[in-house]
Amino acid sequence: MTNQEQPNNEPKWDYTSSRQNFITGALVVGGNVLVLLLYLLYRSVPSVHQFISGKPL
C-alpha cells in the first residue's frame, strides 16, 4: 500500500460567498442606520413625530 491521502469526498455545506456576506452585512447596517435616523427624526422634528404618532410633540 502507498501512503497517499484519500480524496475528501465530504460535501461542502457552506455555500455562502464573500460577496453574499458583504451584501447581507450591508443590508443589516443599512437597516440599523434607517431605524436610528427615523428615531432621531421622531424625537427631534415635530412634523415627523406628528406624522408617525398622529399627536403633536
N, C-alpha and C. Protein backbone atom coordinates (compact mmCIF):
# COMPACT_ATOMS: atom_id res chain seq x y z
N MET A 1 0.84 -1.19 0.00
CA MET A 1 0.00 0.00 0.00
C MET A 1 0.87 1.25 0.00
N THR A 2 0.40 2.26 -0.68
CA THR A 2 1.12 3.52 -0.68
C THR A 2 0.54 4.42 0.40
N ASN A 3 1.31 5.38 0.82
CA ASN A 3 0.90 6.29 1.88
C ASN A 3 0.36 7.59 1.26
N GLN A 4 -0.63 7.49 0.42
CA GLN A 4 -1.23 8.66 -0.21
C GLN A 4 -2.51 9.02 0.53
N GLU A 5 -2.83 10.33 0.53
CA GLU A 5 -4.06 10.78 1.18
C GLU A 5 -5.26 10.41 0.32
N GLN A 6 -6.31 9.99 0.99
CA GLN A 6 -7.54 9.67 0.27
C GLN A 6 -8.22 10.99 -0.12
N PRO A 7 -8.91 11.03 -1.27
CA PRO A 7 -9.63 12.26 -1.64
C PRO A 7 -10.76 12.55 -0.66
N ASN A 8 -10.97 13.81 -0.41
CA ASN A 8 -12.00 14.24 0.54
C ASN A 8 -13.34 14.28 -0.21
N ASN A 9 -14.19 13.30 0.03
CA ASN A 9 -15.47 13.22 -0.66
C ASN A 9 -16.63 13.77 0.17
N GLU A 10 -16.33 14.44 1.25
CA GLU A 10 -17.39 15.01 2.07
C GLU A 10 -18.01 16.20 1.34
N PRO A 11 -19.33 16.37 1.48
CA PRO A 11 -19.97 17.50 0.79
C PRO A 11 -19.60 18.82 1.46
N LYS A 12 -19.56 19.85 0.67
CA LYS A 12 -19.28 21.19 1.19
C LYS A 12 -20.62 21.82 1.55
N TRP A 13 -20.82 22.14 2.83
CA TRP A 13 -22.11 22.66 3.27
C TRP A 13 -22.15 24.18 3.30
N ASP A 14 -21.02 24.83 3.24
CA ASP A 14 -21.00 26.29 3.28
C ASP A 14 -21.06 26.82 1.86
N TYR A 15 -22.26 27.22 1.44
CA TYR A 15 -22.44 27.70 0.08
C TYR A 15 -22.43 29.22 -0.02
N THR A 16 -22.09 29.91 1.04
CA THR A 16 -22.05 31.36 1.01
C THR A 16 -20.73 31.84 0.43
N SER A 17 -20.78 32.96 -0.22
CA SER A 17 -19.57 33.54 -0.78
C SER A 17 -19.26 34.83 -0.04
N SER A 18 -18.11 35.36 -0.30
CA SER A 18 -17.72 36.62 0.32
C SER A 18 -18.66 37.74 -0.12
N ARG A 19 -19.08 37.71 -1.36
CA ARG A 19 -20.00 38.73 -1.88
C ARG A 19 -21.34 38.66 -1.16
N GLN A 20 -21.86 37.47 -0.92
CA GLN A 20 -23.12 37.32 -0.21
C GLN A 20 -23.01 37.83 1.22
N ASN A 21 -21.90 37.56 1.86
CA ASN A 21 -21.69 38.05 3.23
C ASN A 21 -21.63 39.57 3.24
N PHE A 22 -20.98 40.16 2.25
CA PHE A 22 -20.88 41.61 2.17
C PHE A 22 -22.26 42.24 1.97
N ILE A 23 -23.08 41.66 1.09
CA ILE A 23 -24.41 42.20 0.83
C ILE A 23 -25.29 42.07 2.07
N THR A 24 -25.24 40.94 2.74
CA THR A 24 -26.04 40.74 3.96
C THR A 24 -25.62 41.72 5.05
N GLY A 25 -24.33 41.89 5.24
CA GLY A 25 -23.84 42.85 6.23
C GLY A 25 -24.24 44.27 5.91
N ALA A 26 -24.17 44.62 4.62
CA ALA A 26 -24.56 45.97 4.21
C ALA A 26 -26.05 46.21 4.45
N LEU A 27 -26.88 45.20 4.20
CA LEU A 27 -28.31 45.34 4.46
C LEU A 27 -28.61 45.50 5.95
N VAL A 28 -27.91 44.76 6.78
CA VAL A 28 -28.12 44.86 8.23
C VAL A 28 -27.69 46.24 8.74
N VAL A 29 -26.53 46.69 8.30
CA VAL A 29 -26.05 48.01 8.73
C VAL A 29 -26.97 49.11 8.20
N GLY A 30 -27.39 49.00 6.95
CA GLY A 30 -28.30 49.99 6.37
C GLY A 30 -29.64 50.03 7.11
N GLY A 31 -30.16 48.86 7.47
CA GLY A 31 -31.41 48.84 8.23
C GLY A 31 -31.28 49.47 9.60
N ASN A 32 -30.15 49.23 10.26
CA ASN A 32 -29.92 49.84 11.58
C ASN A 32 -29.79 51.36 11.47
N VAL A 33 -29.11 51.83 10.43
CA VAL A 33 -28.97 53.27 10.23
C VAL A 33 -30.34 53.90 9.96
N LEU A 34 -31.17 53.21 9.18
CA LEU A 34 -32.51 53.71 8.88
C LEU A 34 -33.36 53.81 10.15
N VAL A 35 -33.31 52.80 11.00
CA VAL A 35 -34.07 52.83 12.26
C VAL A 35 -33.56 53.95 13.16
N LEU A 36 -32.26 54.10 13.25
CA LEU A 36 -31.69 55.17 14.07
C LEU A 36 -32.08 56.55 13.55
N LEU A 37 -32.04 56.73 12.24
CA LEU A 37 -32.42 58.01 11.64
C LEU A 37 -33.89 58.32 11.90
N LEU A 38 -34.76 57.33 11.73
CA LEU A 38 -36.18 57.55 12.00
C LEU A 38 -36.42 57.89 13.47
N TYR A 39 -35.72 57.22 14.37
CA TYR A 39 -35.88 57.52 15.79
C TYR A 39 -35.45 58.95 16.12
N LEU A 40 -34.30 59.35 15.58
CA LEU A 40 -33.81 60.70 15.85
C LEU A 40 -34.76 61.75 15.26
N LEU A 41 -35.27 61.50 14.07
CA LEU A 41 -36.23 62.45 13.49
C LEU A 41 -37.52 62.46 14.29
N TYR A 42 -37.96 61.30 14.76
CA TYR A 42 -39.18 61.21 15.56
C TYR A 42 -39.07 62.02 16.85
N ARG A 43 -37.87 61.98 17.47
CA ARG A 43 -37.68 62.67 18.74
C ARG A 43 -37.42 64.16 18.58
N SER A 44 -36.91 64.59 17.41
CA SER A 44 -36.46 65.98 17.31
C SER A 44 -37.26 66.85 16.34
N VAL A 45 -37.95 66.27 15.37
CA VAL A 45 -38.68 67.06 14.38
C VAL A 45 -40.18 66.90 14.64
N PRO A 46 -40.85 68.00 15.02
CA PRO A 46 -42.27 67.90 15.38
C PRO A 46 -43.16 67.36 14.25
N SER A 47 -42.90 67.73 13.00
CA SER A 47 -43.76 67.26 11.91
C SER A 47 -43.61 65.75 11.68
N VAL A 48 -42.40 65.20 11.86
CA VAL A 48 -42.19 63.77 11.72
C VAL A 48 -42.88 63.03 12.87
N HIS A 49 -42.78 63.58 14.09
CA HIS A 49 -43.44 62.98 15.24
C HIS A 49 -44.96 62.94 15.03
N GLN A 50 -45.50 64.03 14.52
CA GLN A 50 -46.93 64.08 14.31
C GLN A 50 -47.35 63.14 13.18
N PHE A 51 -46.53 63.00 12.16
CA PHE A 51 -46.87 62.10 11.05
C PHE A 51 -46.89 60.64 11.52
N ILE A 52 -45.91 60.27 12.37
CA ILE A 52 -45.82 58.88 12.82
C ILE A 52 -46.86 58.56 13.88
N SER A 53 -47.00 59.43 14.90
CA SER A 53 -47.86 59.11 16.03
C SER A 53 -49.26 59.70 15.89
N GLY A 54 -49.41 60.74 15.09
CA GLY A 54 -50.72 61.38 14.97
C GLY A 54 -50.97 62.41 16.05
N LYS A 55 -50.02 62.59 16.96
CA LYS A 55 -50.15 63.56 18.04
C LYS A 55 -49.03 64.59 17.93
N PRO A 56 -49.30 65.83 18.28
CA PRO A 56 -48.22 66.82 18.25
C PRO A 56 -47.18 66.53 19.33
N LEU A 57 -45.97 67.00 19.10
CA LEU A 57 -44.86 66.75 20.02
C LEU A 57 -45.05 67.46 21.33
